[in-house]
Amino acid sequence: MDYLDQLEAEAIAILREVAGQFEKPALLFSGGKDSITLVKLAEKAFRPGKFPFPLVHIDTGHNFPETIEFRDKLIADLGEKLVVGYVQDSIDQGKVIEQTGKNASRNQLQTVTLLDTIAAGGYDACIGGARRDEEKARAKERIFSVRDEFGQWDSKRQRPELWNIYNGKIHKGENVRVFPISNWTELDVWNYIKRENIALPSVYFAHERDCILRNGQWMAASEYMNMDEEDIVVKKKVRFRTVGDMTCTAAVESEKTDIDDIIHEIAQSKISERGARMDDKVSEAAMEERKKGGYF
């Protein structure tokens, strides 16, 4: 077995462990490369049967249109169930207040929508594509990460996972966030995508796009950005290393359209993929604070 075979086998075993331990799991699907990789792993774990969980997408309403188009096509091809929670519904219900100002984003608002969607579906385990190499708060988390009845994460309540034994026992109202590719790196994901010939949204590959320079980074110009006379729209050749809300996901200038060239580009990069996420720059502990509040 090469290292990709070992990572794949571990992830498949974790997915089957979730199916065996929990009554009503769900796979959180963003339309990004990591959750798409999870779908491929789920196919290997459970085909020719159906997935023992639905795919759940928390839609901010400010997503890249290419991502939503890809999501809908993938779901149609898979023939699996998709559950969508809309941040706009949370805004309309008065549960969250939409941010204002030049750097306003709905990204942080989706925590409330996520928790409501989990509660409405009765999901006791939520599978996601977070990886330890992405961000220091994520590096603290176990593969089975218990959240309390309010969806909150306590770094001091981490359970030991000696010999790859995962403890999914929870009290009523609690749920577990599960990270099957926690031990993978960004390069591992891309090498696996190459090996398995996995399709991705076009935004991951270099393309021309109208952009504005915001806080030193190129952002996609869109109706969701609160632009003013200081924002000059420039056509740039860019791609995205991570795909989130358009208002908080920065692009990187790139000419790379071939997967081998992208892998080489990532290997040479001196910043992590989350370095292009504006929501992680709010404070030194931005991610950890959001996770404590219920963020994935």
Foldseek 3Di string as FASTA:
>chain_A
DDPLVVLLVQLLVLLVVCLVPFDAEEEEDALKLLSLVSVVSQCVNDPPDARSYAYEYEAAVQFDPLSVVSVVVVCVVRVGHYHYFYLVVCCVVVVDPFDDDQLTDCQLSSLVSVLVVCVVRVHQEYEYRAALVQDVLLVLADQWFKAALQLFGDSVPHDDQPPNNDDSDDDPSIHTYGHSNHHPALLSSLVVCVVVVRDHRQLQFWDKAWWWQDPNFTAGDDPVGPDDPVTDTDIATWHASTTDRSSFAGTDGDNGHDSVVVSVVQVPDPDHSCVRGNQCVPDVCSPVVSNRSNDD
